Amino acid sequence: MSENGDRIIALDKERMQAMADKDIAKLYNMLCKDLIYTHSTARLDTKQSLIGNMESGATVYTSVEPSDVEAQDLGDAVVLTGVAHINVVANGTPRSFGVRFTDVYQNQDGTWRMVAWQSTKLPD
């Protein structure tokens, strides 16, 4: 695997942990200003709405655990695919489920940021 691929797999794991830790400052730096975040429910979020829902408590990620992650290094962009197990409290309702995801990072002036996330819920 490429150096960028390994680096971005590790960076995305940090992002998932930042979501579970509610580390808003870290997320502000890791997410692209034009982020498109497509949840497994087909709901769309921007950087502002994703972080806003976390800050308000509407969405509380308690854990996000990736597995089987692979990277495709395209130079200034890296595409990740994998599986994640997510525990979240959405509008007061706890949920636990697995997703298959595609995640895209771009090197923006020397800083790698997540620009897109798309997930599909795995069957129970």
N, C-alpha and C. Protein backbone atom coordinates (compact mmCIF):
# COMPACT_ATOMS: atom_id res chain seq x y z
N MET A 1 0.85 -1.18 0.00
CA MET A 1 0.00 0.00 0.00
C MET A 1 0.89 1.24 0.00
N SER A 2 0.39 2.30 -0.55
CA SER A 2 1.18 3.53 -0.65
C SER A 2 1.31 4.23 0.69
N GLU A 3 2.28 5.11 0.75
CA GLU A 3 2.47 5.91 1.97
C GLU A 3 1.23 6.75 2.25
N ASN A 4 0.66 7.39 1.21
CA ASN A 4 -0.56 8.18 1.41
C ASN A 4 -1.71 7.30 1.89
N GLY A 5 -1.84 6.12 1.33
CA GLY A 5 -2.91 5.23 1.73
C GLY A 5 -2.85 4.88 3.20
N ASP A 6 -1.68 4.47 3.67
CA ASP A 6 -1.51 4.15 5.09
C ASP A 6 -1.79 5.36 5.97
N ARG A 7 -1.28 6.51 5.54
CA ARG A 7 -1.47 7.75 6.31
C ARG A 7 -2.94 8.11 6.43
N ILE A 8 -3.69 7.97 5.34
CA ILE A 8 -5.10 8.37 5.35
C ILE A 8 -5.96 7.35 6.11
N ILE A 9 -5.62 6.08 6.04
CA ILE A 9 -6.34 5.09 6.86
C ILE A 9 -6.18 5.46 8.34
N ALA A 10 -4.97 5.80 8.76
CA ALA A 10 -4.73 6.20 10.15
C ALA A 10 -5.45 7.51 10.47
N LEU A 11 -5.42 8.46 9.54
CA LEU A 11 -6.09 9.75 9.76
C LEU A 11 -7.60 9.57 9.90
N ASP A 12 -8.18 8.70 9.08
CA ASP A 12 -9.62 8.49 9.16
C ASP A 12 -10.01 7.82 10.47
N LYS A 13 -9.15 6.94 10.96
CA LYS A 13 -9.40 6.33 12.27
C LYS A 13 -9.40 7.41 13.36
N GLU A 14 -8.48 8.38 13.22
CA GLU A 14 -8.45 9.53 14.16
C GLU A 14 -9.74 10.33 14.07
N ARG A 15 -10.24 10.53 12.83
CA ARG A 15 -11.48 11.28 12.65
C ARG A 15 -12.65 10.57 13.32
N MET A 16 -12.72 9.25 13.13
CA MET A 16 -13.80 8.48 13.76
C MET A 16 -13.72 8.58 15.28
N GLN A 17 -12.50 8.53 15.82
CA GLN A 17 -12.33 8.66 17.27
C GLN A 17 -12.70 10.07 17.72
N ALA A 18 -12.37 11.08 16.94
CA ALA A 18 -12.73 12.46 17.28
C ALA A 18 -14.24 12.61 17.33
N MET A 19 -14.96 11.91 16.45
CA MET A 19 -16.43 11.97 16.49
C MET A 19 -16.94 11.36 17.80
N ALA A 20 -16.39 10.21 18.18
CA ALA A 20 -16.81 9.56 19.42
C ALA A 20 -16.41 10.38 20.65
N ASP A 21 -15.26 11.08 20.55
CA ASP A 21 -14.77 11.90 21.67
C ASP A 21 -15.40 13.29 21.69
N LYS A 22 -16.21 13.60 20.67
CA LYS A 22 -16.82 14.93 20.54
C LYS A 22 -15.76 16.02 20.48
N ASP A 23 -14.66 15.73 19.80
CA ASP A 23 -13.54 16.67 19.65
C ASP A 23 -13.82 17.58 18.46
N ILE A 24 -14.64 18.59 18.71
CA ILE A 24 -15.13 19.48 17.65
C ILE A 24 -13.97 20.24 17.00
N ALA A 25 -13.02 20.70 17.78
CA ALA A 25 -11.88 21.46 17.23
C ALA A 25 -11.11 20.60 16.24
N LYS A 26 -10.89 19.35 16.58
CA LYS A 26 -10.16 18.45 15.68
C LYS A 26 -10.96 18.22 14.40
N LEU A 27 -12.27 18.03 14.53
CA LEU A 27 -13.11 17.80 13.37
C LEU A 27 -13.13 19.01 12.44
N TYR A 28 -13.15 20.21 13.00
CA TYR A 28 -13.13 21.42 12.17
C TYR A 28 -11.92 21.43 11.25
N ASN A 29 -10.79 20.95 11.75
CA ASN A 29 -9.57 20.94 10.94
C ASN A 29 -9.54 19.77 9.95
N MET A 30 -10.17 18.65 10.31
CA MET A 30 -10.08 17.44 9.49
C MET A 30 -11.09 17.40 8.35
N LEU A 31 -12.17 18.16 8.48
CA LEU A 31 -13.24 18.11 7.49
C LEU A 31 -13.13 19.29 6.53
N CYS A 32 -13.31 19.02 5.25
CA CYS A 32 -13.28 20.05 4.22
C CYS A 32 -14.47 21.00 4.41
N LYS A 33 -14.27 22.27 4.10
CA LYS A 33 -15.36 23.24 4.24
C LYS A 33 -16.55 22.88 3.35
N ASP A 34 -16.32 22.17 2.24
CA ASP A 34 -17.38 21.78 1.32
C ASP A 34 -17.77 20.32 1.46
N LEU A 35 -17.58 19.75 2.66
CA LEU A 35 -17.87 18.34 2.91
C LEU A 35 -19.28 17.96 2.48
N ILE A 36 -19.39 16.78 1.86
CA ILE A 36 -20.68 16.15 1.58
C ILE A 36 -20.68 14.84 2.35
N TYR A 37 -21.53 14.75 3.37
CA TYR A 37 -21.58 13.59 4.26
C TYR A 37 -22.94 12.93 4.09
N THR A 38 -22.96 11.77 3.45
CA THR A 38 -24.20 11.05 3.20
C THR A 38 -24.30 9.89 4.20
N HIS A 39 -25.29 9.99 5.09
CA HIS A 39 -25.50 8.97 6.11
C HIS A 39 -26.12 7.72 5.49
N SER A 40 -26.11 6.63 6.24
CA SER A 40 -26.69 5.37 5.76
C SER A 40 -28.21 5.47 5.62
N THR A 41 -28.81 6.51 6.18
CA THR A 41 -30.25 6.75 6.05
C THR A 41 -30.57 7.61 4.83
N ALA A 42 -29.53 8.02 4.10
CA ALA A 42 -29.62 8.90 2.92
C ALA A 42 -29.71 10.38 3.31
N ARG A 43 -29.66 10.68 4.60
CA ARG A 43 -29.65 12.09 5.03
C ARG A 43 -28.31 12.70 4.65
N LEU A 44 -28.33 13.92 4.16
CA LEU A 44 -27.12 14.64 3.79
C LEU A 44 -26.75 15.64 4.87
N ASP A 45 -25.47 15.76 5.12
CA ASP A 45 -24.95 16.80 6.01
C ASP A 45 -23.82 17.53 5.32
N THR A 46 -23.66 18.78 5.69
CA THR A 46 -22.49 19.57 5.34
C THR A 46 -21.56 19.52 6.55
N LYS A 47 -20.42 20.13 6.43
CA LYS A 47 -19.52 20.23 7.58
C LYS A 47 -20.24 20.92 8.73
N GLN A 48 -20.92 22.05 8.41
CA GLN A 48 -21.58 22.83 9.46
C GLN A 48 -22.72 22.05 10.11
N SER A 49 -23.54 21.37 9.31
CA SER A 49 -24.68 20.67 9.91
C SER A 49 -24.24 19.42 10.67
N LEU A 50 -23.22 18.72 10.17
CA LEU A 50 -22.72 17.54 10.88
C LEU A 50 -22.19 17.93 12.26
N ILE A 51 -21.33 18.94 12.28
CA ILE A 51 -20.76 19.40 13.55
C ILE A 51 -21.84 20.04 14.42
N GLY A 52 -22.75 20.81 13.80
CA GLY A 52 -23.83 21.44 14.56
C GLY A 52 -24.71 20.43 15.27
N ASN A 53 -25.03 19.31 14.59
CA ASN A 53 -25.85 18.26 15.22
C ASN A 53 -25.10 17.60 16.37
N MET A 54 -23.79 17.49 16.24
CA MET A 54 -22.99 16.93 17.33
C MET A 54 -22.95 17.90 18.51
N GLU A 55 -22.76 19.18 18.22
CA GLU A 55 -22.69 20.19 19.29
C GLU A 55 -24.02 20.32 20.04
N SER A 56 -25.13 20.21 19.31
CA SER A 56 -26.45 20.37 19.95
C SER A 56 -26.87 19.11 20.71
N GLY A 57 -26.22 17.99 20.45
CA GLY A 57 -26.60 16.74 21.08
C GLY A 57 -27.64 15.96 20.29
N ALA A 58 -28.05 16.48 19.13
CA ALA A 58 -29.01 15.75 18.29
C ALA A 58 -28.41 14.45 17.80
N THR A 59 -27.10 14.45 17.55
CA THR A 59 -26.39 13.26 17.13
C THR A 59 -25.19 13.07 18.05
N VAL A 60 -25.17 11.97 18.79
CA VAL A 60 -24.07 11.68 19.71
C VAL A 60 -23.46 10.33 19.31
N TYR A 61 -22.28 10.40 18.71
CA TYR A 61 -21.57 9.16 18.36
C TYR A 61 -20.87 8.66 19.62
N THR A 62 -21.15 7.40 20.01
CA THR A 62 -20.48 6.85 21.18
C THR A 62 -19.29 5.99 20.78
N SER A 63 -19.34 5.42 19.56
CA SER A 63 -18.18 4.73 19.01
C SER A 63 -18.35 4.56 17.50
N VAL A 64 -17.22 4.61 16.82
CA VAL A 64 -17.17 4.34 15.38
C VAL A 64 -15.91 3.51 15.17
N GLU A 65 -16.09 2.23 14.84
CA GLU A 65 -14.97 1.30 14.73
C GLU A 65 -14.83 0.79 13.30
N PRO A 66 -13.76 1.19 12.62
CA PRO A 66 -13.56 0.73 11.24
C PRO A 66 -12.92 -0.65 11.17
N SER A 67 -13.16 -1.33 10.04
CA SER A 67 -12.48 -2.60 9.77
C SER A 67 -12.41 -2.79 8.25
N ASP A 68 -11.52 -3.67 7.83
CA ASP A 68 -11.38 -4.02 6.42
C ASP A 68 -11.21 -2.79 5.52
N VAL A 69 -10.46 -1.81 6.00
CA VAL A 69 -10.29 -0.56 5.25
C VAL A 69 -9.17 -0.72 4.23
N GLU A 70 -9.46 -0.31 3.00
CA GLU A 70 -8.48 -0.31 1.93
C GLU A 70 -8.41 1.08 1.33
N ALA A 71 -7.24 1.43 0.80
CA ALA A 71 -7.03 2.77 0.25
C ALA A 71 -6.64 2.68 -1.22
N GLN A 72 -7.17 3.61 -1.99
CA GLN A 72 -6.78 3.79 -3.38
C GLN A 72 -6.15 5.18 -3.48
N ASP A 73 -4.85 5.23 -3.68
CA ASP A 73 -4.10 6.49 -3.71
C ASP A 73 -4.14 7.06 -5.12
N LEU A 74 -4.72 8.25 -5.26
CA LEU A 74 -4.83 8.91 -6.55
C LEU A 74 -3.94 10.15 -6.62
N GLY A 75 -2.96 10.23 -5.74
CA GLY A 75 -2.05 11.38 -5.73
C GLY A 75 -2.48 12.40 -4.70
N ASP A 76 -3.25 13.42 -5.13
CA ASP A 76 -3.75 14.44 -4.21
C ASP A 76 -5.09 14.06 -3.59
N ALA A 77 -5.56 12.86 -3.88
CA ALA A 77 -6.79 12.34 -3.27
C ALA A 77 -6.58 10.86 -2.95
N VAL A 78 -7.23 10.43 -1.87
CA VAL A 78 -7.20 9.02 -1.48
C VAL A 78 -8.65 8.61 -1.22
N VAL A 79 -9.05 7.50 -1.82
CA VAL A 79 -10.38 6.95 -1.63
C VAL A 79 -10.26 5.74 -0.69
N LEU A 80 -11.00 5.78 0.39
CA LEU A 80 -11.04 4.66 1.33
C LEU A 80 -12.34 3.90 1.15
N THR A 81 -12.28 2.60 1.27
CA THR A 81 -13.48 1.77 1.34
C THR A 81 -13.31 0.83 2.52
N GLY A 82 -14.40 0.52 3.17
CA GLY A 82 -14.31 -0.37 4.31
C GLY A 82 -15.65 -0.56 4.98
N VAL A 83 -15.57 -1.08 6.18
CA VAL A 83 -16.73 -1.36 7.00
C VAL A 83 -16.53 -0.63 8.32
N ALA A 84 -17.62 -0.15 8.90
CA ALA A 84 -17.53 0.47 10.23
C ALA A 84 -18.73 0.03 11.05
N HIS A 85 -18.49 -0.18 12.34
CA HIS A 85 -19.58 -0.43 13.27
C HIS A 85 -19.80 0.87 14.04
N ILE A 86 -21.03 1.36 14.02
CA ILE A 86 -21.35 2.67 14.59
C ILE A 86 -22.35 2.51 15.72
N ASN A 87 -22.05 3.15 16.85
CA ASN A 87 -22.99 3.29 17.95
C ASN A 87 -23.27 4.78 18.08
N VAL A 88 -24.54 5.14 17.98
CA VAL A 88 -24.92 6.55 17.97
C VAL A 88 -26.26 6.71 18.69
N VAL A 89 -26.44 7.88 19.29
CA VAL A 89 -27.74 8.25 19.83
C VAL A 89 -28.25 9.38 18.94
N ALA A 90 -29.30 9.09 18.17
CA ALA A 90 -29.85 10.06 17.23
C ALA A 90 -31.20 10.54 17.73
N ASN A 91 -31.28 11.83 18.05
CA ASN A 91 -32.51 12.41 18.60
C ASN A 91 -33.04 11.61 19.78
N GLY A 92 -32.12 11.19 20.66
CA GLY A 92 -32.48 10.48 21.87
C GLY A 92 -32.65 8.98 21.73
N THR A 93 -32.54 8.44 20.53
CA THR A 93 -32.73 7.01 20.30
C THR A 93 -31.39 6.34 20.01
N PRO A 94 -30.98 5.39 20.89
CA PRO A 94 -29.71 4.70 20.64
C PRO A 94 -29.84 3.75 19.44
N ARG A 95 -28.80 3.73 18.64
CA ARG A 95 -28.75 2.85 17.47
C ARG A 95 -27.35 2.23 17.38
N SER A 96 -27.32 0.98 16.92
CA SER A 96 -26.07 0.27 16.72
C SER A 96 -26.20 -0.50 15.41
N PHE A 97 -25.26 -0.26 14.48
CA PHE A 97 -25.37 -0.89 13.17
C PHE A 97 -24.02 -0.86 12.47
N GLY A 98 -23.93 -1.67 11.44
CA GLY A 98 -22.74 -1.69 10.60
C GLY A 98 -23.03 -1.03 9.28
N VAL A 99 -21.98 -0.44 8.69
CA VAL A 99 -22.10 0.18 7.37
C VAL A 99 -20.90 -0.23 6.51
N ARG A 100 -21.12 -0.21 5.22
CA ARG A 100 -20.02 -0.25 4.26
C ARG A 100 -19.88 1.19 3.79
N PHE A 101 -18.64 1.69 3.72
CA PHE A 101 -18.47 3.10 3.40
C PHE A 101 -17.45 3.34 2.30
N THR A 102 -17.60 4.49 1.67
CA THR A 102 -16.61 5.07 0.78
C THR A 102 -16.33 6.45 1.32
N ASP A 103 -15.07 6.78 1.46
CA ASP A 103 -14.63 7.99 2.13
C ASP A 103 -13.51 8.60 1.28
N VAL A 104 -13.58 9.88 1.01
CA VAL A 104 -12.59 10.52 0.14
C VAL A 104 -11.88 11.63 0.90
N TYR A 105 -10.54 11.59 0.83
CA TYR A 105 -9.71 12.65 1.40
C TYR A 105 -8.96 13.34 0.28
N GLN A 106 -8.73 14.64 0.44
CA GLN A 106 -7.96 15.41 -0.53
C GLN A 106 -6.86 16.17 0.19
N ASN A 107 -5.69 16.23 -0.45
CA ASN A 107 -4.59 17.04 0.08
C ASN A 107 -4.86 18.48 -0.32
N GLN A 108 -5.16 19.31 0.67
CA GLN A 108 -5.48 20.72 0.44
C GLN A 108 -4.34 21.57 1.00
N ASP A 109 -3.44 21.98 0.12
CA ASP A 109 -2.29 22.80 0.51
C ASP A 109 -1.50 22.17 1.65
N GLY A 110 -1.28 20.86 1.56
CA GLY A 110 -0.46 20.17 2.54
C GLY A 110 -1.22 19.56 3.70
N THR A 111 -2.53 19.81 3.79
CA THR A 111 -3.34 19.24 4.86
C THR A 111 -4.38 18.31 4.24
N TRP A 112 -4.40 17.06 4.69
CA TRP A 112 -5.39 16.10 4.21
C TRP A 112 -6.70 16.32 4.94
N ARG A 113 -7.78 16.50 4.16
CA ARG A 113 -9.12 16.71 4.74
C ARG A 113 -10.13 15.78 4.07
N MET A 114 -11.11 15.36 4.86
CA MET A 114 -12.18 14.52 4.32
C MET A 114 -13.13 15.40 3.52
N VAL A 115 -13.39 15.01 2.25
CA VAL A 115 -14.27 15.80 1.38
C VAL A 115 -15.61 15.12 1.14
N ALA A 116 -15.67 13.79 1.31
CA ALA A 116 -16.93 13.08 1.07
C ALA A 116 -16.98 11.79 1.87
N TRP A 117 -18.18 11.45 2.30
CA TRP A 117 -18.47 10.20 3.00
C TRP A 117 -19.80 9.69 2.46
N GLN A 118 -19.85 8.41 2.15
CA GLN A 118 -21.07 7.76 1.71
C GLN A 118 -21.12 6.41 2.39
N SER A 119 -22.22 6.11 3.08
CA SER A 119 -22.31 4.81 3.74
C SER A 119 -23.65 4.14 3.43
N THR A 120 -23.59 2.83 3.44
CA THR A 120 -24.77 2.00 3.22
C THR A 120 -24.89 1.04 4.40
N LYS A 121 -26.04 1.01 5.01
CA LYS A 121 -26.25 0.15 6.17
C LYS A 121 -26.17 -1.32 5.76
N LEU A 122 -25.46 -2.09 6.55
CA LEU A 122 -25.35 -3.53 6.32
C LEU A 122 -26.61 -4.22 6.87
N PRO A 123 -27.02 -5.32 6.27
CA PRO A 123 -28.19 -6.04 6.80
C PRO A 123 -27.91 -6.52 8.23
N ASP A 124 -28.97 -6.56 9.02
CA ASP A 124 -28.83 -7.01 10.43
C ASP A 124 -28.51 -8.48 10.50
